[in-house]
Amino acid sequence: MSAVVQFRRPDRNANGGDPQSEGMEVLGRVVSSVAHDFNNLITGVLLYSDLLSKELPPDSRLQRHVHGIRRAGENGAALIQQLLTVARPQTDEAGLVAVGLVITEMYDLLARLAGGNIELVLEQEPGLARVRMSSAQLQRVLLNLVLNSRDAMPDGGRISLMARARPGSSLPEIELIVEDNGCGMDEEVQAHLFQPFFTTKAHGSG
């Protein structure tokens, strides 16, 4: 399945707010709360691993295990920071964005979320121009598309992220393509493609 992304002004609800942005703000608050508690746990892991390392002789074979514990803690802290970058409420003000750089910085997070049975492939043309857009919106689009692709491939598969200059355009326009080899969508589901809260999942499953 190949996803076509359109950036457009979101519909406003009756109170003048953007329902999708409000949903992301709620998600951001939840993630921030969990991240705070998780960071406290990680801080304890790092602290005690350092204390244990100091108590052991430098040539002890156990030093290798202690260093492994510390690396795992550091990786956990880095993952939390990546989640916060995506989920925190952010302003959607447009600016000059390097699309390829945003994708590269999100790759590790997206690969973790996709799961070990899915291959995440990144393809980028070199020397892509910066484009004026919202970096926060691009992050949300990438996150949603990769998660949707993952859910369409419960038995594993392949997701491809491609950024390239739009063919035939004389302006610095970037084409972002997200493809997977999942089950795809029938015509009924395609009719609801751009409805922000439409889902084919059963209640309670996402």
C-alpha atoms as a PDB file:
ATOM      1  CA  MET A   1       0.000   0.000   0.000  1.00  0.00           C
ATOM      2  CA  SER A   2       1.271   3.464  -0.874  1.00  0.00           C
ATOM      3  CA  ALA A   3       0.156   6.452   1.221  1.00  0.00           C
ATOM      4  CA  VAL A   4      -0.531   9.854  -0.330  1.00  0.00           C
ATOM      5  CA  VAL A   5      -0.143  12.703   2.153  1.00  0.00           C
ATOM      6  CA  GLN A   6      -1.920  16.038   1.799  1.00  0.00           C
ATOM      7  CA  PHE A   7      -1.121  18.932   4.129  1.00  0.00           C
ATOM      8  CA  ARG A   8      -4.191  21.090   4.492  1.00  0.00           C
ATOM      9  CA  ARG A   9      -5.932  23.294   7.038  1.00  0.00           C
ATOM     10  CA  PRO A  10      -7.757  20.997   9.487  1.00  0.00           C
ATOM     11  CA  ASP A  11     -11.503  21.292  10.022  1.00  0.00           C
ATOM     12  CA  ARG A  12     -12.507  23.253  13.105  1.00  0.00           C
ATOM     13  CA  ASN A  13     -14.968  21.949  15.637  1.00  0.00           C
ATOM     14  CA  ALA A  14     -17.953  23.867  16.899  1.00  0.00           C
ATOM     15  CA  ASN A  15     -15.899  25.601  19.583  1.00  0.00           C
ATOM     16  CA  GLY A  16     -13.315  26.799  17.090  1.00  0.00           C
ATOM     17  CA  GLY A  17     -10.648  24.311  18.102  1.00  0.00           C
ATOM     18  CA  ASP A  18      -8.792  21.751  16.054  1.00  0.00           C
ATOM     19  CA  PRO A  19      -9.903  18.299  17.339  1.00  0.00           C
ATOM     20  CA  GLN A  20      -6.764  16.555  16.101  1.00  0.00           C
ATOM     21  CA  SER A  21      -4.462  19.080  17.781  1.00  0.00           C
ATOM     22  CA  GLU A  22      -6.468  18.810  21.010  1.00  0.00           C
ATOM     23  CA  GLY A  23      -6.081  15.034  20.886  1.00  0.00           C
ATOM     24  CA  MET A  24      -2.317  15.378  20.432  1.00  0.00           C
ATOM     25  CA  GLU A  25      -2.148  17.762  23.407  1.00  0.00           C
ATOM     26  CA  VAL A  26      -3.885  15.174  25.604  1.00  0.00           C
ATOM     27  CA  LEU A  27      -1.487  12.492  24.338  1.00  0.00           C
ATOM     28  CA  GLY A  28       1.446  14.801  25.020  1.00  0.00           C
ATOM     29  CA  ARG A  29       0.378  15.325  28.625  1.00  0.00           C
ATOM     30  CA  VAL A  30      -0.020  11.576  29.185  1.00  0.00           C
ATOM     31  CA  VAL A  31       3.372  10.786  27.627  1.00  0.00           C
ATOM     32  CA  SER A  32       5.054  13.583  29.605  1.00  0.00           C
ATOM     33  CA  SER A  33       3.630  12.216  32.856  1.00  0.00           C
ATOM     34  CA  VAL A  34       4.746   8.663  32.110  1.00  0.00           C
ATOM     35  CA  ALA A  35       8.137   9.899  30.868  1.00  0.00           C
ATOM     36  CA  HIS A  36       8.721  11.761  34.133  1.00  0.00           C
ATOM     37  CA  ASP A  37       8.187   8.591  36.170  1.00  0.00           C
ATOM     38  CA  PHE A  38      10.205   6.491  33.740  1.00  0.00           C
ATOM     39  CA  ASN A  39      13.097   8.959  33.823  1.00  0.00           C
ATOM     40  CA  ASN A  40      13.174   8.656  37.607  1.00  0.00           C
ATOM     41  CA  LEU A  41      13.549   4.884  37.238  1.00  0.00           C
ATOM     42  CA  ILE A  42      16.250   5.285  34.593  1.00  0.00           C
ATOM     43  CA  THR A  43      18.135   7.753  36.811  1.00  0.00           C
ATOM     44  CA  GLY A  44      18.182   5.132  39.552  1.00  0.00           C
ATOM     45  CA  VAL A  45      19.485   2.467  37.149  1.00  0.00           C
ATOM     46  CA  LEU A  46      22.291   4.747  35.941  1.00  0.00           C
ATOM     47  CA  LEU A  47      23.202   5.851  39.475  1.00  0.00           C
ATOM     48  CA  TYR A  48      23.409   2.347  40.907  1.00  0.00           C
ATOM     49  CA  SER A  49      25.315   1.040  37.890  1.00  0.00           C
ATOM     50  CA  ASP A  50      27.924   3.791  38.433  1.00  0.00           C
ATOM     51  CA  LEU A  51      28.142   2.985  42.140  1.00  0.00           C
ATOM     52  CA  LEU A  52      28.509  -0.721  41.411  1.00  0.00           C
ATOM     53  CA  SER A  53      31.215  -0.030  38.812  1.00  0.00           C
ATOM     54  CA  LYS A  54      33.234   1.974  41.379  1.00  0.00           C
ATOM     55  CA  GLU A  55      32.984  -0.843  43.939  1.00  0.00           C
ATOM     56  CA  LEU A  56      34.268  -3.464  41.506  1.00  0.00           C
ATOM     57  CA  PRO A  57      37.947  -3.851  40.619  1.00  0.00           C
ATOM     58  CA  PRO A  58      38.719  -2.261  37.214  1.00  0.00           C
ATOM     59  CA  ASP A  59      39.783  -5.637  35.822  1.00  0.00           C
ATOM     60  CA  SER A  60      36.721  -7.514  37.115  1.00  0.00           C
ATOM     61  CA  ARG A  61      34.842  -9.477  34.482  1.00  0.00           C
ATOM     62  CA  LEU A  62      31.635  -8.108  36.005  1.00  0.00           C
ATOM     63  CA  GLN A  63      32.526  -4.612  34.761  1.00  0.00           C
ATOM     64  CA  ARG A  64      31.365  -5.656  31.296  1.00  0.00           C
ATOM     65  CA  HIS A  65      27.915  -6.530  32.661  1.00  0.00           C
ATOM     66  CA  VAL A  66      27.697  -3.269  34.587  1.00  0.00           C
ATOM     67  CA  HIS A  67      28.581  -1.303  31.461  1.00  0.00           C
ATOM     68  CA  GLY A  68      25.877  -3.212  29.591  1.00  0.00           C
ATOM     69  CA  ILE A  69      23.318  -2.196  32.218  1.00  0.00           C
ATOM     70  CA  ARG A  70      24.380   1.442  31.868  1.00  0.00           C
ATOM     71  CA  ARG A  71      24.128   1.368  28.071  1.00  0.00           C
ATOM     72  CA  ALA A  72      20.620  -0.094  28.326  1.00  0.00           C
ATOM     73  CA  GLY A  73      19.658   2.711  30.716  1.00  0.00           C
ATOM     74  CA  GLU A  74      21.069   5.356  28.396  1.00  0.00           C
ATOM     75  CA  ASN A  75      19.158   3.855  25.457  1.00  0.00           C
ATOM     76  CA  GLY A  76      15.960   3.965  27.515  1.00  0.00           C
ATOM     77  CA  ALA A  77      16.511   7.627  28.360  1.00  0.00           C
ATOM     78  CA  ALA A  78      17.145   8.443  24.674  1.00  0.00           C
ATOM     79  CA  LEU A  79      13.946   6.634  23.643  1.00  0.00           C
ATOM     80  CA  ILE A  80      11.901   8.660  26.135  1.00  0.00           C
ATOM     81  CA  GLN A  81      13.346  11.883  24.705  1.00  0.00           C
ATOM     82  CA  GLN A  82      12.354  10.773  21.197  1.00  0.00           C
ATOM     83  CA  LEU A  83       8.804  10.056  22.356  1.00  0.00           C
ATOM     84  CA  LEU A  84       8.573  13.452  24.019  1.00  0.00           C
ATOM     85  CA  THR A  85       9.756  15.171  20.844  1.00  0.00           C
ATOM     86  CA  VAL A  86       6.832  13.672  18.938  1.00  0.00           C
ATOM     87  CA  ALA A  87       4.091  13.738  21.571  1.00  0.00           C
ATOM     88  CA  ARG A  88       4.654  17.066  23.341  1.00  0.00           C
ATOM     89  CA  PRO A  89       2.212  19.813  22.381  1.00  0.00           C
ATOM     90  CA  GLN A  90       4.051  21.877  19.799  1.00  0.00           C
ATOM     91  CA  THR A  91       3.228  24.943  17.783  1.00  0.00           C
ATOM     92  CA  ASP A  92       2.454  24.240  14.160  1.00  0.00           C
ATOM     93  CA  GLU A  93       4.130  27.378  12.857  1.00  0.00           C
ATOM     94  CA  ALA A  94       5.686  26.806   9.463  1.00  0.00           C
ATOM     95  CA  GLY A  95       9.403  27.160   8.944  1.00  0.00           C
ATOM     96  CA  LEU A  96      12.145  25.955   6.628  1.00  0.00           C
ATOM     97  CA  VAL A  97      12.353  22.218   7.286  1.00  0.00           C
ATOM     98  CA  ALA A  98      14.850  19.631   6.045  1.00  0.00           C
ATOM     99  CA  VAL A  99      12.406  16.755   5.466  1.00  0.00           C
ATOM    100  CA  GLY A 100      15.144  14.169   5.160  1.00  0.00           C
ATOM    101  CA  LEU A 101      16.693  15.246   8.464  1.00  0.00           C
ATOM    102  CA  VAL A 102      13.363  14.958  10.297  1.00  0.00           C
ATOM    103  CA  ILE A 103      12.901  11.418   8.945  1.00  0.00           C
ATOM    104  CA  THR A 104      16.465  10.439   9.873  1.00  0.00           C
ATOM    105  CA  GLU A 105      16.082  11.757  13.434  1.00  0.00           C
ATOM    106  CA  MET A 106      12.828   9.818  13.847  1.00  0.00           C
ATOM    107  CA  TYR A 107      14.117   6.581  12.286  1.00  0.00           C
ATOM    108  CA  ASP A 108      15.135   4.830  15.521  1.00  0.00           C
ATOM    109  CA  LEU A 109      11.825   5.649  17.204  1.00  0.00           C
ATOM    110  CA  LEU A 110       9.782   4.566  14.176  1.00  0.00           C
ATOM    111  CA  ALA A 111      11.763   1.324  13.870  1.00  0.00           C
ATOM    112  CA  ARG A 112      11.105   0.493  17.534  1.00  0.00           C
ATOM    113  CA  LEU A 113       7.398   1.210  17.161  1.00  0.00           C
ATOM    114  CA  ALA A 114       7.180  -0.849  13.968  1.00  0.00           C
ATOM    115  CA  GLY A 115       8.483  -3.920  15.804  1.00  0.00           C
ATOM    116  CA  GLY A 116      11.155  -6.518  15.226  1.00  0.00           C
ATOM    117  CA  ASN A 117       9.213  -8.420  12.551  1.00  0.00           C
ATOM    118  CA  ILE A 118       8.926  -5.388  10.243  1.00  0.00           C
ATOM    119  CA  GLU A 119      11.774  -4.029   8.129  1.00  0.00           C
ATOM    120  CA  LEU A 120      11.842  -0.230   8.011  1.00  0.00           C
ATOM    121  CA  VAL A 121      13.715   1.047   4.961  1.00  0.00           C
ATOM    122  CA  LEU A 122      14.765   4.674   4.485  1.00  0.00           C
ATOM    123  CA  GLU A 123      15.488   6.077   1.013  1.00  0.00           C
ATOM    124  CA  GLN A 124      16.476   9.693   0.441  1.00  0.00           C
ATOM    125  CA  GLU A 125      17.763  11.663  -2.488  1.00  0.00           C
ATOM    126  CA  PRO A 126      20.940  13.588  -1.581  1.00  0.00           C
ATOM    127  CA  GLY A 127      20.898  17.371  -1.444  1.00  0.00           C
ATOM    128  CA  LEU A 128      17.169  17.867  -0.918  1.00  0.00           C
ATOM    129  CA  ALA A 129      16.138  21.503  -0.528  1.00  0.00           C
ATOM    130  CA  ARG A 130      14.440  22.772   2.623  1.00  0.00           C
ATOM    131  CA  VAL A 131      10.709  23.397   2.317  1.00  0.00           C
ATOM    132  CA  ARG A 132       8.395  25.665   4.278  1.00  0.00           C
ATOM    133  CA  MET A 133       6.095  23.574   6.410  1.00  0.00           C
ATOM    134  CA  SER A 134       5.380  22.535   9.995  1.00  0.00           C
ATOM    135  CA  SER A 135       7.994  20.188  11.446  1.00  0.00           C
ATOM    136  CA  ALA A 136       5.589  19.098  14.215  1.00  0.00           C
ATOM    137  CA  GLN A 137       2.921  18.215  11.670  1.00  0.00           C
ATOM    138  CA  LEU A 138       5.403  16.206   9.609  1.00  0.00           C
ATOM    139  CA  GLN A 139       6.423  14.225  12.707  1.00  0.00           C
ATOM    140  CA  ARG A 140       2.780  13.390  13.459  1.00  0.00           C
ATOM    141  CA  VAL A 141       2.131  12.336   9.867  1.00  0.00           C
ATOM    142  CA  LEU A 142       5.154  10.005   9.851  1.00  0.00           C
ATOM    143  CA  LEU A 143       4.193   8.516  13.213  1.00  0.00           C
ATOM    144  CA  ASN A 144       0.582   7.878  12.196  1.00  0.00           C
ATOM    145  CA  LEU A 145       1.435   6.397   8.798  1.00  0.00           C
ATOM    146  CA  VAL A 146       4.087   4.029  10.171  1.00  0.00           C
ATOM    147  CA  LEU A 147       1.778   2.857  12.967  1.00  0.00           C
ATOM    148  CA  ASN A 148      -1.043   2.275  10.476  1.00  0.00           C
ATOM    149  CA  SER A 149       1.311   0.306   8.234  1.00  0.00           C
ATOM    150  CA  ARG A 150       2.466  -1.757  11.211  1.00  0.00           C
ATOM    151  CA  ASP A 151      -1.099  -2.633  12.161  1.00  0.00           C
ATOM    152  CA  ALA A 152      -1.793  -3.739   8.574  1.00  0.00           C
ATOM    153  CA  MET A 153       1.050  -6.289   8.800  1.00  0.00           C
ATOM    154  CA  PRO A 154       0.480  -8.380  11.963  1.00  0.00           C
ATOM    155  CA  ASP A 155       2.680 -11.152  10.537  1.00  0.00           C
ATOM    156  CA  GLY A 156       5.518  -8.821   9.578  1.00  0.00           C
ATOM    157  CA  GLY A 157       6.520  -7.094   6.378  1.00  0.00           C
ATOM    158  CA  ARG A 158       8.305  -4.066   4.988  1.00  0.00           C
ATOM    159  CA  ILE A 159       7.744  -0.318   5.306  1.00  0.00           C
ATOM    160  CA  SER A 160       9.557   2.069   2.996  1.00  0.00           C
ATOM    161  CA  LEU A 161      10.036   5.792   3.715  1.00  0.00           C
ATOM    162  CA  MET A 162      11.134   7.794   0.692  1.00  0.00           C
ATOM    163  CA  ALA A 163      11.896  11.513   0.396  1.00  0.00           C
ATOM    164  CA  ARG A 164      12.708  12.928  -3.031  1.00  0.00           C
ATOM    165  CA  ALA A 165      12.341  16.057  -5.123  1.00  0.00           C
ATOM    166  CA  ARG A 166       8.950  16.152  -6.795  1.00  0.00           C
ATOM    167  CA  PRO A 167       9.427  15.023 -10.406  1.00  0.00           C
ATOM    168  CA  GLY A 168       8.884  17.746 -12.989  1.00  0.00           C
ATOM    169  CA  SER A 169       8.651  20.595 -10.485  1.00  0.00           C
ATOM    170  CA  SER A 170      10.745  23.741 -10.927  1.00  0.00           C
ATOM    171  CA  LEU A 171      10.157  24.716  -7.282  1.00  0.00           C
ATOM    172  CA  PRO A 172      11.855  23.206  -4.191  1.00  0.00           C
ATOM    173  CA  GLU A 173       9.029  20.736  -3.540  1.00  0.00           C
ATOM    174  CA  ILE A 174       9.590  17.471  -1.677  1.00  0.00           C
ATOM    175  CA  GLU A 175       7.598  14.306  -2.235  1.00  0.00           C
ATOM    176  CA  LEU A 176       7.224  12.036   0.792  1.00  0.00           C
ATOM    177  CA  ILE A 177       6.176   8.445   0.083  1.00  0.00           C
ATOM    178  CA  VAL A 178       5.306   5.832   2.711  1.00  0.00           C
ATOM    179  CA  GLU A 179       4.767   2.330   1.317  1.00  0.00           C
ATOM    180  CA  ASP A 180       4.106  -1.046   2.900  1.00  0.00           C
ATOM    181  CA  ASN A 181       3.198  -4.524   1.709  1.00  0.00           C
ATOM    182  CA  GLY A 182       0.265  -4.907   4.106  1.00  0.00           C
ATOM    183  CA  CYS A 183      -3.333  -5.857   3.436  1.00  0.00           C
ATOM    184  CA  GLY A 184      -4.344  -2.485   1.961  1.00  0.00           C
ATOM    185  CA  MET A 185      -7.745  -0.754   2.116  1.00  0.00           C
ATOM    186  CA  ASP A 186     -11.006  -1.506   0.358  1.00  0.00           C
ATOM    187  CA  GLU A 187     -13.124   1.237  -1.243  1.00  0.00           C
ATOM    188  CA  GLU A 188     -15.275   1.759   1.848  1.00  0.00           C
ATOM    189  CA  VAL A 189     -12.256   2.414   4.053  1.00  0.00           C
ATOM    190  CA  GLN A 190     -10.642   4.655   1.410  1.00  0.00           C
ATOM    191  CA  ALA A 191     -13.748   6.861   1.477  1.00  0.00           C
ATOM    192  CA  HIS A 192     -12.925   7.748   5.113  1.00  0.00           C
ATOM    193  CA  LEU A 193      -9.179   8.112   4.527  1.00  0.00           C
ATOM    194  CA  PHE A 194      -8.780  11.711   5.733  1.00  0.00           C
ATOM    195  CA  GLN A 195     -11.212  11.609   8.645  1.00  0.00           C
ATOM    196  CA  PRO A 196      -8.937  12.102  11.701  1.00  0.00           C
ATOM    197  CA  PHE A 197     -10.818   9.826  14.124  1.00  0.00           C
ATOM    198  CA  PHE A 198     -12.038   7.091  11.749  1.00  0.00           C
ATOM    199  CA  THR A 199     -10.734   3.621  12.577  1.00  0.00           C
ATOM    200  CA  THR A 200     -11.297   0.042  11.489  1.00  0.00           C
ATOM    201  CA  LYS A 201     -10.062  -1.310  14.821  1.00  0.00           C
ATOM    202  CA  ALA A 202     -12.346  -2.925  17.354  1.00  0.00           C
ATOM    203  CA  HIS A 203     -13.276  -0.979  20.492  1.00  0.00           C
ATOM    204  CA  GLY A 204     -10.445  -1.020  22.983  1.00  0.00           C
ATOM    205  CA  SER A 205      -7.770  -2.149  20.518  1.00  0.00           C
ATOM    206  CA  GLY A 206      -6.473   1.283  19.494  1.00  0.00           C
END
